Amino acid sequence: MKAEITVREIVRRDVLACPPDTSLAEAARRMVAAHCSSILIEDGNGRAVGIWTEQDAVRVDLADPNFHSAPISQSMSQPVKTLPDGICLGEAALRFREEGVRHFVVVDRSGRHHGIISQSDIIINQGIEYFVALRDVRSVFNRRHVVIDGATSVHDAVRTMKDGGLDAVVVNDAAQGYGILTERDVVQLIGSGQARG
């Protein structure tokens, strides 16, 4: 019988990182360019001091006229949550559920980080059936969706996502029909400078 896959075998080792004084807009631009859902914040000694994710992007106050130039250290999540690199994927999936996060930094026995693993990585490698089994069926099928008017400002749309704990909203535009605004879109807007107002 084959041993269960460990986090070490699937971890993304090409970690996107930046120093704490990097501007929010620059960090977002780097995430978009690298097609990453997170960026690790490292101090001058290469220690992970925080992480900023697509989920954190929704918490940015877009009404603040200086948000784009604020250092990422003001918006990052800390402390960084870690998983040992030898943990099996089943245990890792349980930790994602228990901790309520979508990213862990993977560390070796000495505590050095070797990469980042996302909830999506677990789902891809374990199969969606395994992930759904960890959830209450009602939570999967009764998830509410919020529809906002296409004329809603970006600031108000993102605030709706933040206040509702939503990772996306449906946008109903009279001229173009329905669309969707996701956390990833918010990161792109922040990085491009279009998220003002």
C-alpha atoms as a PDB file:
ATOM      1  CA  MET A   1       0.000   0.000   0.000  1.00  0.00           C
ATOM      2  CA  LYS A   2       1.374   3.397  -1.039  1.00  0.00           C
ATOM      3  CA  ALA A   3       2.097   5.866   1.763  1.00  0.00           C
ATOM      4  CA  GLU A   4      -0.004   9.008   1.827  1.00  0.00           C
ATOM      5  CA  ILE A   5       1.447  12.039   0.058  1.00  0.00           C
ATOM      6  CA  THR A   6       3.164  14.561   2.316  1.00  0.00           C
ATOM      7  CA  VAL A   7       3.133  18.335   2.059  1.00  0.00           C
ATOM      8  CA  ARG A   8       6.866  18.191   1.184  1.00  0.00           C
ATOM      9  CA  GLU A   9       6.001  16.465  -2.096  1.00  0.00           C
ATOM     10  CA  ILE A  10       3.618  19.127  -3.402  1.00  0.00           C
ATOM     11  CA  VAL A  11       4.732  22.400  -1.783  1.00  0.00           C
ATOM     12  CA  ARG A  12       5.375  25.373  -4.075  1.00  0.00           C
ATOM     13  CA  ARG A  13       9.023  26.225  -3.500  1.00  0.00           C
ATOM     14  CA  ASP A  14       9.071  29.331  -5.701  1.00  0.00           C
ATOM     15  CA  VAL A  15       7.943  31.587  -2.878  1.00  0.00           C
ATOM     16  CA  LEU A  16       7.026  35.140  -3.828  1.00  0.00           C
ATOM     17  CA  ALA A  17       8.423  37.385  -1.085  1.00  0.00           C
ATOM     18  CA  CYS A  18       9.031  41.032  -0.301  1.00  0.00           C
ATOM     19  CA  PRO A  19      10.346  43.160   2.577  1.00  0.00           C
ATOM     20  CA  PRO A  20       7.895  44.760   5.053  1.00  0.00           C
ATOM     21  CA  ASP A  21       8.335  48.262   3.597  1.00  0.00           C
ATOM     22  CA  THR A  22       7.135  47.249   0.107  1.00  0.00           C
ATOM     23  CA  SER A  23       4.093  49.282  -0.901  1.00  0.00           C
ATOM     24  CA  LEU A  24       0.733  47.577  -1.045  1.00  0.00           C
ATOM     25  CA  ALA A  25       0.386  48.398  -4.748  1.00  0.00           C
ATOM     26  CA  GLU A  26       3.831  46.950  -5.546  1.00  0.00           C
ATOM     27  CA  ALA A  27       3.122  43.746  -3.612  1.00  0.00           C
ATOM     28  CA  ALA A  28      -0.181  43.382  -5.489  1.00  0.00           C
ATOM     29  CA  ARG A  29       1.573  43.962  -8.844  1.00  0.00           C
ATOM     30  CA  ARG A  30       4.101  41.233  -8.010  1.00  0.00           C
ATOM     31  CA  MET A  31       1.342  38.798  -7.085  1.00  0.00           C
ATOM     32  CA  VAL A  32      -0.506  39.460 -10.346  1.00  0.00           C
ATOM     33  CA  ALA A  33       2.679  39.101 -12.427  1.00  0.00           C
ATOM     34  CA  ALA A  34       3.604  35.829 -10.698  1.00  0.00           C
ATOM     35  CA  HIS A  35       0.023  34.460 -10.777  1.00  0.00           C
ATOM     36  CA  CYS A  36       0.219  33.916  -7.006  1.00  0.00           C
ATOM     37  CA  SER A  37      -2.530  34.146  -4.418  1.00  0.00           C
ATOM     38  CA  SER A  38      -0.119  35.179  -1.659  1.00  0.00           C
ATOM     39  CA  ILE A  39       3.129  36.996  -0.956  1.00  0.00           C
ATOM     40  CA  LEU A  40       5.374  36.251   2.007  1.00  0.00           C
ATOM     41  CA  ILE A  41       6.790  39.206   3.936  1.00  0.00           C
ATOM     42  CA  GLU A  42      10.393  38.585   5.047  1.00  0.00           C
ATOM     43  CA  ASP A  43      12.659  40.601   7.294  1.00  0.00           C
ATOM     44  CA  GLY A  44      16.289  41.381   6.380  1.00  0.00           C
ATOM     45  CA  ASN A  45      17.388  37.943   7.626  1.00  0.00           C
ATOM     46  CA  GLY A  46      14.925  36.043   5.433  1.00  0.00           C
ATOM     47  CA  ARG A  47      12.561  35.236   8.305  1.00  0.00           C
ATOM     48  CA  ALA A  48       8.848  35.154   7.497  1.00  0.00           C
ATOM     49  CA  VAL A  49       7.176  37.929   9.502  1.00  0.00           C
ATOM     50  CA  GLY A  50       3.825  38.019   7.698  1.00  0.00           C
ATOM     51  CA  ILE A  51       1.816  36.975   4.681  1.00  0.00           C
ATOM     52  CA  TRP A  52      -0.553  38.944   2.461  1.00  0.00           C
ATOM     53  CA  THR A  53      -3.168  37.053   0.473  1.00  0.00           C
ATOM     54  CA  GLU A  54      -6.068  37.680  -1.869  1.00  0.00           C
ATOM     55  CA  GLN A  55      -8.297  37.387   1.188  1.00  0.00           C
ATOM     56  CA  ASP A  56      -6.340  40.205   2.878  1.00  0.00           C
ATOM     57  CA  ALA A  57      -6.822  42.417  -0.195  1.00  0.00           C
ATOM     58  CA  VAL A  58     -10.542  42.641   0.572  1.00  0.00           C
ATOM     59  CA  ARG A  59      -9.713  44.104   4.006  1.00  0.00           C
ATOM     60  CA  VAL A  60      -7.820  47.076   2.534  1.00  0.00           C
ATOM     61  CA  ASP A  61      -9.607  50.390   3.096  1.00  0.00           C
ATOM     62  CA  LEU A  62      -9.927  51.615  -0.482  1.00  0.00           C
ATOM     63  CA  ALA A  63     -11.427  54.867   0.787  1.00  0.00           C
ATOM     64  CA  ASP A  64      -8.015  55.826   2.196  1.00  0.00           C
ATOM     65  CA  PRO A  65      -6.402  57.933  -0.560  1.00  0.00           C
ATOM     66  CA  ASN A  66      -2.934  56.659   0.434  1.00  0.00           C
ATOM     67  CA  PHE A  67      -3.686  52.944   0.717  1.00  0.00           C
ATOM     68  CA  HIS A  68      -1.654  52.076  -2.411  1.00  0.00           C
ATOM     69  CA  SER A  69       1.570  53.545  -0.961  1.00  0.00           C
ATOM     70  CA  ALA A  70       1.131  52.126   2.557  1.00  0.00           C
ATOM     71  CA  PRO A  71       3.713  49.486   3.502  1.00  0.00           C
ATOM     72  CA  ILE A  72       2.538  45.890   3.171  1.00  0.00           C
ATOM     73  CA  SER A  73       3.434  45.404   6.854  1.00  0.00           C
ATOM     74  CA  GLN A  74       0.304  47.390   7.767  1.00  0.00           C
ATOM     75  CA  SER A  75      -1.993  44.953   5.943  1.00  0.00           C
ATOM     76  CA  MET A  76      -0.232  41.602   6.293  1.00  0.00           C
ATOM     77  CA  SER A  77      -1.563  38.745   8.394  1.00  0.00           C
ATOM     78  CA  GLN A  78       0.650  37.736  11.283  1.00  0.00           C
ATOM     79  CA  PRO A  79       1.942  35.612  12.832  1.00  0.00           C
ATOM     80  CA  VAL A  80       2.580  33.360   9.854  1.00  0.00           C
ATOM     81  CA  LYS A  81       0.836  30.004  10.222  1.00  0.00           C
ATOM     82  CA  THR A  82       3.079  27.047   9.446  1.00  0.00           C
ATOM     83  CA  LEU A  83       2.868  23.349   8.650  1.00  0.00           C
ATOM     84  CA  PRO A  84       5.715  20.862   9.056  1.00  0.00           C
ATOM     85  CA  ASP A  85       6.906  19.557   5.688  1.00  0.00           C
ATOM     86  CA  GLY A  86       6.398  15.918   6.732  1.00  0.00           C
ATOM     87  CA  ILE A  87       2.669  16.205   7.482  1.00  0.00           C
ATOM     88  CA  CYS A  88       0.395  14.145   5.224  1.00  0.00           C
ATOM     89  CA  LEU A  89      -2.201  15.856   3.055  1.00  0.00           C
ATOM     90  CA  GLY A  90      -5.126  14.510   5.065  1.00  0.00           C
ATOM     91  CA  GLU A  91      -3.785  16.092   8.256  1.00  0.00           C
ATOM     92  CA  ALA A  92      -2.992  19.291   6.357  1.00  0.00           C
ATOM     93  CA  ALA A  93      -6.589  19.452   5.076  1.00  0.00           C
ATOM     94  CA  LEU A  94      -7.848  19.207   8.655  1.00  0.00           C
ATOM     95  CA  ARG A  95      -5.497  22.022   9.713  1.00  0.00           C
ATOM     96  CA  PHE A  96      -6.849  24.246   6.928  1.00  0.00           C
ATOM     97  CA  ARG A  97     -10.351  23.637   8.218  1.00  0.00           C
ATOM     98  CA  GLU A  98      -9.454  24.132  11.894  1.00  0.00           C
ATOM     99  CA  GLU A  99      -7.402  27.298  11.337  1.00  0.00           C
ATOM    100  CA  GLY A 100      -9.788  28.854   8.795  1.00  0.00           C
ATOM    101  CA  VAL A 101      -6.964  29.975   6.488  1.00  0.00           C
ATOM    102  CA  ARG A 102      -6.128  29.271   2.851  1.00  0.00           C
ATOM    103  CA  HIS A 103      -2.308  29.374   3.019  1.00  0.00           C
ATOM    104  CA  PHE A 104       0.363  27.853   5.236  1.00  0.00           C
ATOM    105  CA  VAL A 105       4.101  28.357   5.126  1.00  0.00           C
ATOM    106  CA  VAL A 106       5.794  24.960   5.028  1.00  0.00           C
ATOM    107  CA  VAL A 107       8.763  24.587   7.385  1.00  0.00           C
ATOM    108  CA  ASP A 108      11.389  21.924   7.993  1.00  0.00           C
ATOM    109  CA  ARG A 109      12.451  20.577  11.410  1.00  0.00           C
ATOM    110  CA  SER A 110      14.734  23.553  12.008  1.00  0.00           C
ATOM    111  CA  GLY A 111      11.891  25.997  11.308  1.00  0.00           C
ATOM    112  CA  ARG A 112      13.241  27.257   7.964  1.00  0.00           C
ATOM    113  CA  HIS A 113      10.528  27.905   5.418  1.00  0.00           C
ATOM    114  CA  HIS A 114      10.648  25.948   2.183  1.00  0.00           C
ATOM    115  CA  GLY A 115       7.512  27.083   0.441  1.00  0.00           C
ATOM    116  CA  ILE A 116       3.841  27.868   0.657  1.00  0.00           C
ATOM    117  CA  ILE A 117       0.934  25.484   0.338  1.00  0.00           C
ATOM    118  CA  SER A 118      -2.583  26.644  -0.406  1.00  0.00           C
ATOM    119  CA  GLN A 119      -5.933  25.059   0.213  1.00  0.00           C
ATOM    120  CA  SER A 120      -6.219  24.694  -3.572  1.00  0.00           C
ATOM    121  CA  ASP A 121      -3.018  22.616  -3.634  1.00  0.00           C
ATOM    122  CA  ILE A 122      -4.583  20.196  -1.161  1.00  0.00           C
ATOM    123  CA  ILE A 123      -7.822  19.948  -3.160  1.00  0.00           C
ATOM    124  CA  ILE A 124      -5.956  19.337  -6.415  1.00  0.00           C
ATOM    125  CA  ASN A 125      -3.824  16.587  -4.892  1.00  0.00           C
ATOM    126  CA  GLN A 126      -6.483  14.947  -2.696  1.00  0.00           C
ATOM    127  CA  GLY A 127      -9.458  15.398  -4.984  1.00  0.00           C
ATOM    128  CA  ILE A 128     -12.524  17.538  -4.399  1.00  0.00           C
ATOM    129  CA  GLU A 129     -14.408  14.592  -2.906  1.00  0.00           C
ATOM    130  CA  TYR A 130     -11.980  14.466   0.021  1.00  0.00           C
ATOM    131  CA  PHE A 131     -12.287  18.191   0.688  1.00  0.00           C
ATOM    132  CA  VAL A 132     -16.083  18.141   0.507  1.00  0.00           C
ATOM    133  CA  ALA A 133     -16.134  15.236   2.961  1.00  0.00           C
ATOM    134  CA  LEU A 134     -14.486  17.540   5.516  1.00  0.00           C
ATOM    135  CA  ARG A 135     -17.358  20.031   5.249  1.00  0.00           C
ATOM    136  CA  ASP A 136     -20.943  19.954   6.290  1.00  0.00           C
ATOM    137  CA  VAL A 137     -22.959  19.355   3.099  1.00  0.00           C
ATOM    138  CA  ARG A 138     -25.223  22.316   3.932  1.00  0.00           C
ATOM    139  CA  SER A 139     -22.204  24.660   3.981  1.00  0.00           C
ATOM    140  CA  VAL A 140     -21.326  23.673   0.417  1.00  0.00           C
ATOM    141  CA  PHE A 141     -24.762  23.958  -1.176  1.00  0.00           C
ATOM    142  CA  ASN A 142     -26.427  26.723   0.813  1.00  0.00           C
ATOM    143  CA  ARG A 143     -23.715  29.318   0.356  1.00  0.00           C
ATOM    144  CA  ARG A 144     -25.445  32.614  -0.252  1.00  0.00           C
ATOM    145  CA  HIS A 145     -24.454  34.883  -3.064  1.00  0.00           C
ATOM    146  CA  VAL A 146     -24.765  38.630  -3.102  1.00  0.00           C
ATOM    147  CA  VAL A 147     -25.724  40.568  -6.218  1.00  0.00           C
ATOM    148  CA  ILE A 148     -24.632  44.205  -6.512  1.00  0.00           C
ATOM    149  CA  ASP A 149     -25.511  46.796  -9.131  1.00  0.00           C
ATOM    150  CA  GLY A 150     -22.936  47.432 -11.849  1.00  0.00           C
ATOM    151  CA  ALA A 151     -22.912  51.139 -10.944  1.00  0.00           C
ATOM    152  CA  THR A 152     -21.624  50.358  -7.420  1.00  0.00           C
ATOM    153  CA  SER A 153     -18.219  51.894  -6.706  1.00  0.00           C
ATOM    154  CA  VAL A 154     -15.245  49.568  -6.315  1.00  0.00           C
ATOM    155  CA  HIS A 155     -14.880  50.750  -2.724  1.00  0.00           C
ATOM    156  CA  ASP A 156     -18.482  49.853  -1.880  1.00  0.00           C
ATOM    157  CA  ALA A 157     -18.281  46.512  -3.711  1.00  0.00           C
ATOM    158  CA  VAL A 158     -15.164  45.522  -1.788  1.00  0.00           C
ATOM    159  CA  ARG A 159     -16.699  46.700   1.478  1.00  0.00           C
ATOM    160  CA  THR A 160     -19.703  44.453   0.750  1.00  0.00           C
ATOM    161  CA  MET A 161     -17.307  41.526   0.301  1.00  0.00           C
ATOM    162  CA  LYS A 162     -15.446  42.385   3.511  1.00  0.00           C
ATOM    163  CA  ASP A 163     -18.568  42.937   5.630  1.00  0.00           C
ATOM    164  CA  GLY A 164     -20.177  39.736   4.365  1.00  0.00           C
ATOM    165  CA  GLY A 165     -17.054  37.579   4.594  1.00  0.00           C
ATOM    166  CA  LEU A 166     -17.429  36.888   0.863  1.00  0.00           C
ATOM    167  CA  ASP A 167     -14.737  35.849  -1.575  1.00  0.00           C
ATOM    168  CA  ALA A 168     -16.825  37.123  -4.512  1.00  0.00           C
ATOM    169  CA  VAL A 169     -19.934  39.099  -5.432  1.00  0.00           C
ATOM    170  CA  VAL A 170     -22.139  38.863  -8.497  1.00  0.00           C
ATOM    171  CA  VAL A 171     -22.313  42.114 -10.468  1.00  0.00           C
ATOM    172  CA  ASN A 172     -25.493  42.907 -12.393  1.00  0.00           C
ATOM    173  CA  ASP A 173     -24.724  45.484 -15.058  1.00  0.00           C
ATOM    174  CA  ALA A 174     -27.705  46.679 -17.103  1.00  0.00           C
ATOM    175  CA  ALA A 175     -25.639  47.026 -20.288  1.00  0.00           C
ATOM    176  CA  GLN A 176     -23.376  43.976 -20.002  1.00  0.00           C
ATOM    177  CA  GLY A 177     -25.374  41.499 -17.934  1.00  0.00           C
ATOM    178  CA  TYR A 178     -23.984  39.494 -15.035  1.00  0.00           C
ATOM    179  CA  GLY A 179     -20.354  39.241 -14.008  1.00  0.00           C
ATOM    180  CA  ILE A 180     -18.367  38.426 -10.905  1.00  0.00           C
ATOM    181  CA  LEU A 181     -15.899  40.360  -8.762  1.00  0.00           C
ATOM    182  CA  THR A 182     -13.479  38.092  -6.883  1.00  0.00           C
ATOM    183  CA  GLU A 183     -10.678  38.556  -4.360  1.00  0.00           C
ATOM    184  CA  ARG A 184      -8.193  38.015  -7.189  1.00  0.00           C
ATOM    185  CA  ASP A 185      -9.825  40.885  -9.104  1.00  0.00           C
ATOM    186  CA  VAL A 186      -9.360  43.122  -6.058  1.00  0.00           C
ATOM    187  CA  VAL A 187      -5.627  42.320  -5.989  1.00  0.00           C
ATOM    188  CA  GLN A 188      -5.413  43.200  -9.691  1.00  0.00           C
ATOM    189  CA  LEU A 189      -7.252  46.477  -9.115  1.00  0.00           C
ATOM    190  CA  ILE A 190      -4.939  47.408  -6.241  1.00  0.00           C
ATOM    191  CA  GLY A 191      -1.841  46.597  -8.303  1.00  0.00           C
ATOM    192  CA  SER A 192      -3.075  48.543 -11.328  1.00  0.00           C
ATOM    193  CA  GLY A 193      -4.108  51.613  -9.334  1.00  0.00           C
ATOM    194  CA  GLN A 194      -7.754  51.259 -10.458  1.00  0.00           C
ATOM    195  CA  ALA A 195      -9.120  50.454  -7.006  1.00  0.00           C
ATOM    196  CA  ARG A 196      -9.600  54.064  -5.927  1.00  0.00           C
ATOM    197  CA  GLY A 197     -13.013  55.377  -5.080  1.00  0.00           C
END
